[in-house]
Amino acid sequence: MASAEFDEESESKRPTVQVGDPFAEKLLLEACLELMASGAVIAIQDMGAAGLTCSAVEMGAKGDLGVDVPSGVDGDTGAVRGAAIRAVETVTFVTFKPGHLLQPGRGLCGQLSLADIGTGPAALEAGLAARAPLDRNGPDLWGRDFPRLTGASHKYTRGHALVLSGPATKTGAARLAARGALRVGAGLVTVASPTAALPENAAHLTAIMLRPCESAATVSNRISVSASARAPISPD
């Protein structure tokens, strides 16, 4: 009805219009203008004939805000369907969706928040969310199980990381992974390298051990033998 005109001859349409208080309307307009001038409101949209849904989407786009997922992002895959807005902040409910955590959707969500609307696990049990809650990789997920240094700690209590190297001229990724393992706290780090690539790896690595290894199958066999040797012997 926002585009319709009303005059003395439009009596039949008058019941459609809710007649408000002109003084209250003026106060509301002035309040909105003051809020916008102060910066407290970052987006405002006249609902008009566009309808509730379209106006909400437009308002979110103007304020760089995504509700549930940014408009245009597939919540199940994170893929962009044609075009999508890049939100500064995205608020979702009940549980995160794959589209919040997978690229390119993750990069379009901005700051991601999970709002509590009072549903909790009951929403999942009732089928209001299609899947089990998703976990974001971060200290909140694994921090409690991360080994901490104590006065009795030494390199043999901090784990041993094994990294398989590629052939000669293709060893960079293995060295980066090995350095990363050492940096995050592994007590020992070994790069298993093809013999032809040993000089290349040795020229770039310090504090990291090297062992010749021609294939992943060799490593697998050695691990299996080592595990069998350490397994308890059955009394039978």
Protein backbone atom coordinates (compact mmCIF):
# COMPACT_ATOMS: atom_id res chain seq x y z
CA MET A 1 0.00 0.00 0.00
CA ALA A 2 3.01 2.32 0.23
CA SER A 3 2.57 3.39 -3.40
CA ALA A 4 -1.18 3.92 -3.20
CA GLU A 5 -2.72 7.38 -3.06
CA PHE A 6 -5.54 8.21 -0.67
CA ASP A 7 -8.07 11.00 -1.11
CA GLU A 8 -11.77 11.62 -0.47
CA GLU A 9 -12.63 9.02 -3.10
CA SER A 10 -10.55 6.28 -1.47
CA GLU A 11 -12.88 5.68 1.45
CA SER A 12 -12.90 1.91 0.86
CA LYS A 13 -9.14 1.71 1.43
CA ARG A 14 -9.09 3.61 4.72
CA PRO A 15 -9.57 0.54 6.94
CA THR A 16 -6.31 -0.79 5.46
CA VAL A 17 -4.31 2.07 6.98
CA GLN A 18 -3.48 2.22 10.65
CA VAL A 19 -3.90 5.82 11.70
CA GLY A 20 -1.18 6.73 14.20
CA ASP A 21 -0.47 9.59 16.52
CA PRO A 22 1.15 12.42 14.46
CA PHE A 23 2.97 13.74 17.54
CA ALA A 24 4.44 10.30 18.34
CA GLU A 25 5.42 9.92 14.69
CA LYS A 26 7.31 13.23 14.80
CA LEU A 27 9.12 12.19 17.98
CA LEU A 28 10.10 8.87 16.38
CA LEU A 29 11.50 10.58 13.28
CA GLU A 30 13.50 13.02 15.40
CA ALA A 31 14.83 10.18 17.55
CA CYS A 32 15.95 8.26 14.46
CA LEU A 33 17.71 11.32 13.05
CA GLU A 34 19.53 11.92 16.34
CA LEU A 35 20.61 8.27 16.52
CA MET A 36 21.96 8.39 12.98
CA ALA A 37 23.81 11.63 13.66
CA SER A 38 25.43 10.16 16.79
CA GLY A 39 26.63 7.06 14.95
CA ALA A 40 24.68 4.73 17.25
CA VAL A 41 22.70 3.42 14.26
CA ILE A 42 24.65 2.14 11.28
CA ALA A 43 21.69 1.11 9.12
CA ILE A 44 18.11 2.24 8.80
CA GLN A 45 15.57 1.38 6.13
CA ASP A 46 12.00 2.41 5.44
CA MET A 47 10.07 -0.86 5.17
CA GLY A 48 7.86 0.57 2.46
CA ALA A 49 6.43 -1.56 -0.31
CA ALA A 50 9.58 -3.71 -0.54
CA GLY A 51 8.17 -5.88 2.21
CA LEU A 52 9.62 -7.13 5.45
CA THR A 53 12.05 -9.67 4.00
CA CYS A 54 13.52 -7.50 1.25
CA SER A 55 13.86 -4.52 3.57
CA ALA A 56 15.62 -6.59 6.22
CA VAL A 57 18.11 -7.83 3.62
CA GLU A 58 18.70 -4.30 2.33
CA MET A 59 19.18 -2.99 5.87
CA GLY A 60 21.64 -5.75 6.67
CA ALA A 61 23.61 -4.98 3.50
CA LYS A 62 23.76 -1.27 4.32
CA GLY A 63 25.04 -2.07 7.79
CA ASP A 64 27.40 -4.83 6.58
CA LEU A 65 25.59 -7.24 8.90
CA GLY A 66 24.75 -10.85 8.10
CA VAL A 67 21.96 -12.64 9.95
CA ASP A 68 22.42 -16.43 9.97
CA VAL A 69 24.67 -16.25 6.87
CA PRO A 70 25.55 -13.25 4.66
CA SER A 71 23.11 -12.89 1.78
CA GLY A 72 24.26 -14.98 -1.17
CA VAL A 73 26.31 -17.50 0.84
CA ASP A 74 25.25 -21.16 0.87
CA GLY A 75 25.01 -22.17 4.52
CA ASP A 76 25.71 -25.83 3.75
CA THR A 77 28.86 -25.38 1.67
CA GLY A 78 30.15 -21.82 2.04
CA ALA A 79 29.88 -21.36 -1.74
CA VAL A 80 28.69 -18.05 -3.19
CA ARG A 81 25.46 -18.25 -5.17
CA GLY A 82 25.95 -15.62 -7.83
CA ALA A 83 26.85 -12.66 -5.61
CA ALA A 84 27.17 -12.18 -1.87
CA ILE A 85 27.66 -9.32 0.56
CA ARG A 86 30.85 -9.07 2.62
CA ALA A 87 29.62 -8.63 6.18
CA VAL A 88 31.55 -6.96 8.97
CA GLU A 89 29.70 -9.16 11.46
CA THR A 90 27.46 -12.22 11.17
CA VAL A 91 25.14 -13.44 13.93
CA THR A 92 23.77 -16.98 13.80
CA PHE A 93 21.73 -19.15 16.16
CA VAL A 94 21.64 -22.66 17.69
CA THR A 95 24.83 -23.89 15.97
CA PHE A 96 27.37 -22.90 13.34
CA LYS A 97 26.80 -24.06 9.77
CA PRO A 98 29.47 -25.40 7.39
CA GLY A 99 29.12 -22.19 5.39
CA HIS A 100 30.32 -20.20 8.39
CA LEU A 101 33.58 -22.15 8.62
CA LEU A 102 34.40 -23.03 5.00
CA GLN A 103 35.76 -20.64 2.40
CA PRO A 104 34.70 -18.49 0.66
CA GLY A 105 31.77 -18.13 3.08
CA ARG A 106 34.08 -17.86 6.08
CA GLY A 107 35.83 -14.87 4.55
CA LEU A 108 32.50 -13.12 3.92
CA CYS A 109 31.13 -13.54 7.46
CA GLY A 110 33.46 -11.08 9.17
CA GLN A 111 33.28 -11.39 12.94
CA LEU A 112 31.21 -14.50 13.65
CA SER A 113 28.96 -14.73 16.71
CA LEU A 114 26.71 -17.51 18.00
CA ALA A 115 23.78 -15.92 19.81
CA ASP A 116 21.97 -17.69 22.62
CA ILE A 117 18.23 -17.56 22.01
CA GLY A 118 17.35 -20.00 24.76
CA THR A 119 17.19 -23.16 22.65
CA GLY A 120 20.36 -25.06 23.56
CA PRO A 121 20.73 -28.81 22.86
CA ALA A 122 16.95 -29.22 22.88
CA ALA A 123 16.78 -27.54 19.47
CA LEU A 124 19.01 -30.22 17.96
CA GLU A 125 17.04 -33.01 19.64
CA ALA A 126 13.80 -31.53 18.31
CA GLY A 127 15.19 -31.35 14.78
CA LEU A 128 15.24 -27.56 14.61
CA ALA A 129 18.86 -27.77 13.43
CA ALA A 130 19.72 -30.23 10.70
CA ARG A 131 23.01 -31.51 12.11
CA ALA A 132 25.06 -31.83 15.26
CA PRO A 133 26.85 -28.69 16.49
CA LEU A 134 30.02 -27.79 14.59
CA ASP A 135 33.21 -26.91 16.43
CA ARG A 136 35.56 -24.13 15.37
CA ASN A 137 39.21 -25.11 15.48
CA GLY A 138 40.89 -23.10 18.21
CA PRO A 139 42.19 -23.17 21.78
CA ASP A 140 38.67 -23.48 23.18
CA LEU A 141 38.40 -26.86 21.44
CA TRP A 142 41.75 -28.46 22.33
CA GLY A 143 43.39 -26.16 24.87
CA ARG A 144 42.56 -28.34 27.88
CA ASP A 145 44.31 -31.33 26.30
CA PHE A 146 47.36 -29.42 25.09
CA PRO A 147 50.45 -30.56 27.02
CA ARG A 148 51.80 -27.92 29.38
CA LEU A 149 55.38 -27.45 30.47
CA THR A 150 56.19 -28.36 34.06
CA GLY A 151 59.37 -28.43 36.06
CA ALA A 152 59.80 -32.10 35.11
CA SER A 153 59.20 -31.60 31.37
CA HIS A 154 61.87 -32.46 28.81
CA LYS A 155 61.97 -33.21 25.10
CA TYR A 156 60.96 -36.84 25.53
CA THR A 157 57.71 -35.87 27.27
CA ARG A 158 56.68 -33.44 24.53
CA GLY A 159 56.02 -35.89 21.72
CA HIS A 160 57.92 -36.79 18.55
CA ALA A 161 56.69 -35.43 15.20
CA LEU A 162 57.52 -37.31 12.01
CA VAL A 163 57.31 -35.46 8.68
CA LEU A 164 57.64 -37.18 5.30
CA SER A 165 59.61 -35.21 2.72
CA GLY A 166 59.03 -35.12 -1.01
CA PRO A 167 61.76 -35.96 -3.54
CA ALA A 168 64.66 -33.68 -4.38
CA THR A 169 63.57 -30.18 -5.49
CA LYS A 170 60.17 -30.73 -3.79
CA THR A 171 61.09 -30.58 -0.12
CA GLY A 172 59.85 -27.14 0.96
CA ALA A 173 56.48 -28.17 2.41
CA ALA A 174 58.06 -30.85 4.60
CA ARG A 175 60.56 -28.38 6.04
CA LEU A 176 57.82 -25.84 6.77
CA ALA A 177 55.77 -28.53 8.54
CA ALA A 178 58.80 -29.69 10.54
CA ARG A 179 59.64 -26.15 11.68
CA GLY A 180 55.99 -25.61 12.59
CA ALA A 181 55.94 -28.77 14.73
CA LEU A 182 59.08 -27.64 16.53
CA ARG A 183 57.69 -24.15 17.03
CA VAL A 184 54.42 -25.32 18.63
CA GLY A 185 56.28 -27.46 21.15
CA ALA A 186 57.09 -30.93 19.83
CA GLY A 187 60.01 -32.31 21.81
CA LEU A 188 61.54 -34.11 18.83
CA VAL A 189 61.02 -33.63 15.10
CA THR A 190 62.30 -35.94 12.39
CA VAL A 191 62.08 -35.46 8.63
CA ALA A 192 62.02 -38.76 6.77
CA SER A 193 63.61 -37.93 3.44
CA PRO A 194 64.47 -39.80 0.23
CA THR A 195 68.22 -40.31 0.06
CA ALA A 196 68.57 -38.04 -2.96
CA ALA A 197 66.90 -35.21 -1.02
CA LEU A 198 68.91 -35.56 2.19
CA PRO A 199 71.58 -32.95 1.24
CA GLU A 200 68.88 -30.46 0.24
CA ASN A 201 67.01 -30.87 3.54
CA ALA A 202 70.19 -30.93 5.63
CA ALA A 203 71.32 -27.61 4.16
CA HIS A 204 68.19 -25.87 5.46
CA LEU A 205 67.36 -27.59 8.77
CA THR A 206 68.77 -27.15 12.25
CA ALA A 207 67.46 -28.74 15.50
CA ILE A 208 65.53 -31.20 13.32
CA MET A 209 66.68 -34.76 12.74
CA LEU A 210 66.90 -36.41 9.33
CA ARG A 211 66.41 -40.05 8.47
CA PRO A 212 66.66 -41.69 5.03
CA CYS A 213 63.36 -43.06 3.82
CA GLU A 214 62.48 -43.88 0.24
CA SER A 215 58.70 -44.18 0.58
CA ALA A 216 55.75 -43.83 2.91
CA ALA A 217 55.41 -47.62 2.87
CA THR A 218 58.83 -47.90 4.54
CA VAL A 219 57.69 -45.60 7.36
CA SER A 220 54.43 -47.52 7.74
CA ASN A 221 56.26 -50.84 8.02
CA ARG A 222 58.67 -49.45 10.62
CA ILE A 223 55.83 -48.00 12.69
CA SER A 224 53.98 -51.33 12.55
CA VAL A 225 57.07 -53.25 13.67
CA SER A 226 57.73 -50.76 16.47
CA ALA A 227 54.12 -50.97 17.68
CA SER A 228 54.23 -54.77 17.65
CA ALA A 229 57.49 -54.80 19.59
CA ARG A 230 55.95 -52.59 22.28
CA ALA A 231 52.66 -54.51 22.51
CA PRO A 232 52.20 -56.59 25.67
CA ILE A 233 52.82 -60.31 25.22
CA SER A 234 49.76 -62.45 25.79
CA PRO A 235 50.22 -65.11 28.47
CA ASP A 236 48.71 -67.60 25.99
